Amino acid sequence: MEADRQLQTTDVVELNPNFHFRWEEPQQANVLLYPEGIVKLNETAAAILEACTGGQSIAVGVAELAERYGKADLTADALKFLEVAHAKGWIRIKS
């Protein structure tokens, strides 16, 4: 079952259609909106979701983040966050 397996860098993930990722001016933060509420994201979480749910593999998204922030390897940190997001149902595996 999809929810039981760990994410791989070759996976392509997407936002769960029940969640909407956007900037909320009153919150001064990116948020995930869903029918039951709202999740306020910190800057790092928002950057990972934005880079890694754009229809490309997690590895490509992480490479873009590393280039943007001048970091050598963000793979472990990004995967750790994406695992939590996946477990919470915010994202799902597309491929």
Protein backbone atom coordinates (compact mmCIF):
# COMPACT_ATOMS: atom_id res chain seq x y z
CA MET A 1 0.00 0.00 0.00
CA GLU A 2 1.28 3.46 -0.93
CA ALA A 3 1.00 5.01 2.53
CA ASP A 4 3.10 2.22 4.05
CA ARG A 5 6.21 2.62 1.94
CA GLN A 6 8.97 5.16 2.39
CA LEU A 7 9.41 7.90 -0.18
CA GLN A 8 12.30 7.60 -2.60
CA THR A 9 14.11 10.43 -4.36
CA THR A 10 12.87 9.00 -7.67
CA ASP A 11 9.22 9.41 -6.61
CA VAL A 12 7.08 12.16 -8.03
CA VAL A 13 4.75 13.54 -5.39
CA GLU A 14 1.83 15.93 -5.63
CA LEU A 15 -0.38 17.77 -3.22
CA ASN A 16 -3.43 15.86 -2.10
CA PRO A 17 -6.33 17.47 -4.02
CA ASN A 18 -8.08 18.15 -0.69
CA PHE A 19 -5.29 20.59 0.26
CA HIS A 20 -4.59 23.96 -1.30
CA PHE A 21 -1.12 25.50 -0.95
CA ARG A 22 -1.04 29.29 -1.04
CA TRP A 23 0.22 32.48 0.54
CA GLU A 24 -2.10 33.92 3.17
CA GLU A 25 -1.56 37.63 3.72
CA PRO A 26 -3.25 37.71 7.18
CA GLN A 27 -0.99 34.85 8.34
CA GLN A 28 2.09 36.31 6.57
CA ALA A 29 2.92 32.73 5.66
CA ASN A 30 2.31 29.95 3.19
CA VAL A 31 -0.47 27.66 4.31
CA LEU A 32 -2.20 24.44 3.40
CA LEU A 33 -5.94 24.94 3.41
CA TYR A 34 -8.27 21.97 3.71
CA PRO A 35 -11.97 21.53 4.52
CA GLU A 36 -11.35 21.03 8.26
CA GLY A 37 -8.82 23.80 8.77
CA ILE A 38 -5.48 25.34 7.95
CA VAL A 39 -1.82 24.39 8.42
CA LYS A 40 0.61 27.30 8.68
CA LEU A 41 3.95 26.37 7.11
CA ASN A 42 7.35 27.77 7.93
CA GLU A 43 9.54 29.05 5.10
CA THR A 44 11.51 25.79 4.80
CA ALA A 45 8.41 23.59 4.63
CA ALA A 46 6.85 25.85 2.01
CA ALA A 47 10.02 25.81 -0.11
CA ILE A 48 10.20 22.00 0.00
CA LEU A 49 6.53 21.58 -0.95
CA GLU A 50 6.85 24.11 -3.73
CA ALA A 51 10.00 22.54 -5.20
CA CYS A 52 9.05 18.89 -4.77
CA THR A 53 5.39 18.84 -5.87
CA GLY A 54 5.85 20.46 -9.26
CA GLY A 55 5.57 17.31 -11.37
CA GLN A 56 9.23 16.34 -11.18
CA SER A 57 11.01 13.82 -9.02
CA ILE A 58 11.90 14.62 -5.44
CA ALA A 59 15.58 14.49 -6.47
CA VAL A 60 15.08 17.27 -9.04
CA GLY A 61 13.20 19.41 -6.50
CA VAL A 62 15.90 18.90 -3.89
CA ALA A 63 18.61 19.83 -6.42
CA GLU A 64 16.74 23.07 -7.17
CA LEU A 65 16.54 23.84 -3.45
CA ALA A 66 20.25 23.13 -2.97
CA GLU A 67 21.08 25.51 -5.81
CA ARG A 68 18.68 28.20 -4.58
CA TYR A 69 19.99 28.13 -1.02
CA GLY A 70 23.63 27.31 -1.77
CA LYS A 71 23.59 24.09 0.24
CA ALA A 72 25.44 20.93 -0.68
CA ASP A 73 22.90 18.22 0.08
CA LEU A 74 19.40 18.73 1.41
CA THR A 75 18.13 15.27 0.50
CA ALA A 76 17.87 13.80 4.02
CA ASP A 77 16.13 16.89 5.46
CA ALA A 78 13.72 17.21 2.53
CA LEU A 79 12.85 13.51 2.61
CA LYS A 80 12.24 13.68 6.38
CA PHE A 81 9.77 16.55 5.91
CA LEU A 82 8.11 14.90 2.89
CA GLU A 83 7.67 11.67 4.87
CA VAL A 84 5.79 13.63 7.54
CA ALA A 85 3.72 15.43 4.89
CA HIS A 86 2.94 12.08 3.26
CA ALA A 87 1.96 10.48 6.59
CA LYS A 88 -0.35 13.43 7.33
CA GLY A 89 -1.97 13.06 3.90
CA TRP A 90 -0.80 16.44 2.59
CA ILE A 91 0.95 14.85 -0.39
CA ARG A 92 0.63 11.61 -2.31
CA ILE A 93 2.85 9.64 -4.64
CA LYS A 94 2.06 10.38 -8.24
CA SER A 95 4.33 7.81 -9.86
